[in-house]
Amino acid sequence: MRRIAAARLRYCGLESMTDDVMLIVSEFLTNALQHSGTAEISLAITVDDEGLRVRVRDDMPGTGAVRSPEDGAESGRGLLLVDALAKERGGEWGFGDAGAEAWCCLPLPGVRQR
């Protein structure tokens, strides 16, 4: 799915967003794989006037949450990274459809934010 995401960015001329989108895709997909228990996960990447939107859907309703891991913990920081990245880039992220979807919207390069 990471290769598909990178190909989509190239197709849209948004190669400069590759590192950010790869981190978001990786974290959302990892969470869906580890926590949903479903066999079907979808990835959607769309571009419109609002920006670039990444959505990962696992169809298993539940409550997504950002954790505060212990200092020595080996996991639990992925959504903290997504949160920091989205804020730094002027975007936003969250959960939708009762937790079955994680999404992030980032502004396009060169587009002024409102």
C-alpha atoms as a PDB file:
ATOM      1  CA  MET A   1       0.000   0.000   0.000  1.00  0.00           C
ATOM      2  CA  ARG A   2       2.945   2.315   0.580  1.00  0.00           C
ATOM      3  CA  ARG A   3       4.007   1.793  -3.045  1.00  0.00           C
ATOM      4  CA  ILE A   4       0.475   2.557  -4.207  1.00  0.00           C
ATOM      5  CA  ALA A   5       0.459   5.745  -2.139  1.00  0.00           C
ATOM      6  CA  ALA A   6       3.833   6.838  -3.540  1.00  0.00           C
ATOM      7  CA  ALA A   7       2.640   6.131  -7.082  1.00  0.00           C
ATOM      8  CA  ARG A   8      -0.507   8.200  -6.479  1.00  0.00           C
ATOM      9  CA  LEU A   9       1.602  11.124  -5.255  1.00  0.00           C
ATOM     10  CA  ARG A  10       3.848  10.909  -8.334  1.00  0.00           C
ATOM     11  CA  TYR A  11       0.785  10.782 -10.586  1.00  0.00           C
ATOM     12  CA  CYS A  12      -0.579  13.952  -8.940  1.00  0.00           C
ATOM     13  CA  GLY A  13       2.793  15.739  -9.049  1.00  0.00           C
ATOM     14  CA  LEU A  14       3.034  15.746  -5.252  1.00  0.00           C
ATOM     15  CA  GLU A  15       6.348  13.960  -4.753  1.00  0.00           C
ATOM     16  CA  SER A  16       7.339  16.601  -2.172  1.00  0.00           C
ATOM     17  CA  MET A  17       4.689  15.169   0.161  1.00  0.00           C
ATOM     18  CA  THR A  18       5.953  11.585  -0.054  1.00  0.00           C
ATOM     19  CA  ASP A  19       7.740  11.393   3.312  1.00  0.00           C
ATOM     20  CA  ASP A  20       4.795  12.857   5.224  1.00  0.00           C
ATOM     21  CA  VAL A  21       2.214  10.699   3.480  1.00  0.00           C
ATOM     22  CA  MET A  22       4.320   7.532   3.903  1.00  0.00           C
ATOM     23  CA  LEU A  23       4.453   8.109   7.659  1.00  0.00           C
ATOM     24  CA  ILE A  24       0.687   8.680   7.852  1.00  0.00           C
ATOM     25  CA  VAL A  25      -0.138   5.676   5.664  1.00  0.00           C
ATOM     26  CA  SER A  26       2.230   3.450   7.655  1.00  0.00           C
ATOM     27  CA  GLU A  27       0.816   4.470  11.020  1.00  0.00           C
ATOM     28  CA  PHE A  28      -2.837   4.215   9.986  1.00  0.00           C
ATOM     29  CA  LEU A  29      -2.338   0.848   8.285  1.00  0.00           C
ATOM     30  CA  THR A  30      -0.316  -0.540  11.187  1.00  0.00           C
ATOM     31  CA  ASN A  31      -3.053   0.453  13.643  1.00  0.00           C
ATOM     32  CA  ALA A  32      -5.748  -1.070  11.445  1.00  0.00           C
ATOM     33  CA  LEU A  33      -3.792  -4.326  11.134  1.00  0.00           C
ATOM     34  CA  GLN A  34      -2.943  -4.563  14.832  1.00  0.00           C
ATOM     35  CA  HIS A  35      -6.182  -3.433  16.408  1.00  0.00           C
ATOM     36  CA  SER A  36      -9.121  -4.079  14.104  1.00  0.00           C
ATOM     37  CA  GLY A  37      -9.196  -7.855  13.760  1.00  0.00           C
ATOM     38  CA  THR A  38     -10.648  -7.515  10.264  1.00  0.00           C
ATOM     39  CA  ALA A  39      -9.426  -9.118   7.056  1.00  0.00           C
ATOM     40  CA  GLU A  40     -10.301  -6.132   4.870  1.00  0.00           C
ATOM     41  CA  ILE A  41      -8.582  -2.752   5.062  1.00  0.00           C
ATOM     42  CA  SER A  42      -8.838  -0.015   2.441  1.00  0.00           C
ATOM     43  CA  LEU A  43      -6.656   2.972   1.633  1.00  0.00           C
ATOM     44  CA  ALA A  44      -7.903   6.057  -0.200  1.00  0.00           C
ATOM     45  CA  ILE A  45      -5.825   9.056  -1.219  1.00  0.00           C
ATOM     46  CA  THR A  46      -7.690  11.967  -2.740  1.00  0.00           C
ATOM     47  CA  VAL A  47      -6.666  15.440  -3.827  1.00  0.00           C
ATOM     48  CA  ASP A  48      -9.049  18.380  -4.087  1.00  0.00           C
ATOM     49  CA  ASP A  49      -9.221  22.087  -3.252  1.00  0.00           C
ATOM     50  CA  GLU A  50      -9.123  21.253   0.464  1.00  0.00           C
ATOM     51  CA  GLY A  51      -5.792  19.431   0.158  1.00  0.00           C
ATOM     52  CA  LEU A  52      -4.560  15.878   0.138  1.00  0.00           C
ATOM     53  CA  ARG A  53      -6.654  13.455   2.180  1.00  0.00           C
ATOM     54  CA  VAL A  54      -5.502  10.024   3.341  1.00  0.00           C
ATOM     55  CA  ARG A  55      -8.140   7.608   4.643  1.00  0.00           C
ATOM     56  CA  VAL A  56      -7.648   4.112   6.000  1.00  0.00           C
ATOM     57  CA  ARG A  57     -10.800   2.164   6.706  1.00  0.00           C
ATOM     58  CA  ASP A  58     -11.048  -1.179   8.485  1.00  0.00           C
ATOM     59  CA  ASP A  59     -14.846  -1.515   8.897  1.00  0.00           C
ATOM     60  CA  MET A  60     -14.485  -2.485  12.554  1.00  0.00           C
ATOM     61  CA  PRO A  61     -16.130   0.227  14.637  1.00  0.00           C
ATOM     62  CA  GLY A  62     -14.281   1.113  17.770  1.00  0.00           C
ATOM     63  CA  THR A  63     -12.714   4.066  19.446  1.00  0.00           C
ATOM     64  CA  GLY A  64      -9.367   5.208  18.131  1.00  0.00           C
ATOM     65  CA  ALA A  65      -7.228   6.981  20.665  1.00  0.00           C
ATOM     66  CA  VAL A  66      -3.836   8.587  20.990  1.00  0.00           C
ATOM     67  CA  ARG A  67      -1.880   6.850  23.719  1.00  0.00           C
ATOM     68  CA  SER A  68       0.695   8.197  26.129  1.00  0.00           C
ATOM     69  CA  PRO A  69       3.238   5.369  26.154  1.00  0.00           C
ATOM     70  CA  GLU A  70       5.683   4.742  28.952  1.00  0.00           C
ATOM     71  CA  ASP A  71       9.183   6.130  28.348  1.00  0.00           C
ATOM     72  CA  GLY A  72      10.658   2.714  27.542  1.00  0.00           C
ATOM     73  CA  ALA A  73       7.732   1.410  25.504  1.00  0.00           C
ATOM     74  CA  GLU A  74       8.558   0.120  22.033  1.00  0.00           C
ATOM     75  CA  SER A  75       5.219   1.140  20.503  1.00  0.00           C
ATOM     76  CA  GLY A  76       2.314   3.496  20.993  1.00  0.00           C
ATOM     77  CA  ARG A  77       3.737   6.666  19.455  1.00  0.00           C
ATOM     78  CA  GLY A  78       2.418   6.395  15.897  1.00  0.00           C
ATOM     79  CA  LEU A  79      -0.630   8.594  16.278  1.00  0.00           C
ATOM     80  CA  LEU A  80       1.409  11.107  18.254  1.00  0.00           C
ATOM     81  CA  LEU A  81       3.655  11.366  15.180  1.00  0.00           C
ATOM     82  CA  VAL A  82       0.632  11.797  12.884  1.00  0.00           C
ATOM     83  CA  ASP A  83      -0.741  14.486  15.213  1.00  0.00           C
ATOM     84  CA  ALA A  84       2.558  16.393  15.317  1.00  0.00           C
ATOM     85  CA  LEU A  85       3.053  16.134  11.567  1.00  0.00           C
ATOM     86  CA  ALA A  86      -0.486  17.286  10.758  1.00  0.00           C
ATOM     87  CA  LYS A  87      -0.181  20.267  13.106  1.00  0.00           C
ATOM     88  CA  GLU A  88       3.250  21.209  11.740  1.00  0.00           C
ATOM     89  CA  ARG A  89       1.960  21.130   8.154  1.00  0.00           C
ATOM     90  CA  GLY A  90      -1.247  23.026   8.924  1.00  0.00           C
ATOM     91  CA  GLY A  91      -3.446  19.967   8.458  1.00  0.00           C
ATOM     92  CA  GLU A  92      -5.800  18.000  10.601  1.00  0.00           C
ATOM     93  CA  TRP A  93      -6.605  14.362  11.318  1.00  0.00           C
ATOM     94  CA  GLY A  94      -9.020  12.230  13.242  1.00  0.00           C
ATOM     95  CA  PHE A  95     -11.302   9.230  13.306  1.00  0.00           C
ATOM     96  CA  GLY A  96     -14.599   8.835  11.522  1.00  0.00           C
ATOM     97  CA  ASP A  97     -17.479   6.435  11.169  1.00  0.00           C
ATOM     98  CA  ALA A  98     -17.416   5.305  14.806  1.00  0.00           C
ATOM     99  CA  GLY A  99     -13.698   4.604  14.677  1.00  0.00           C
ATOM    100  CA  ALA A 100     -13.726   2.447  11.545  1.00  0.00           C
ATOM    101  CA  GLU A 101     -11.803   5.109   9.629  1.00  0.00           C
ATOM    102  CA  ALA A 102      -8.679   7.153  10.335  1.00  0.00           C
ATOM    103  CA  TRP A 103      -8.135  10.206   8.155  1.00  0.00           C
ATOM    104  CA  CYS A 104      -5.673  13.021   7.686  1.00  0.00           C
ATOM    105  CA  CYS A 105      -5.924  16.091   5.470  1.00  0.00           C
ATOM    106  CA  LEU A 106      -2.782  18.036   4.583  1.00  0.00           C
ATOM    107  CA  PRO A 107      -2.647  21.288   2.631  1.00  0.00           C
ATOM    108  CA  LEU A 108      -1.077  21.124  -0.800  1.00  0.00           C
ATOM    109  CA  PRO A 109       2.389  22.647  -1.221  1.00  0.00           C
ATOM    110  CA  GLY A 110       2.213  26.311  -2.146  1.00  0.00           C
ATOM    111  CA  VAL A 111      -1.429  26.745  -1.113  1.00  0.00           C
ATOM    112  CA  ARG A 112      -2.038  29.366   1.579  1.00  0.00           C
ATOM    113  CA  GLN A 113      -4.108  28.260   4.515  1.00  0.00           C
ATOM    114  CA  ARG A 114      -7.246  30.145   5.504  1.00  0.00           C
END
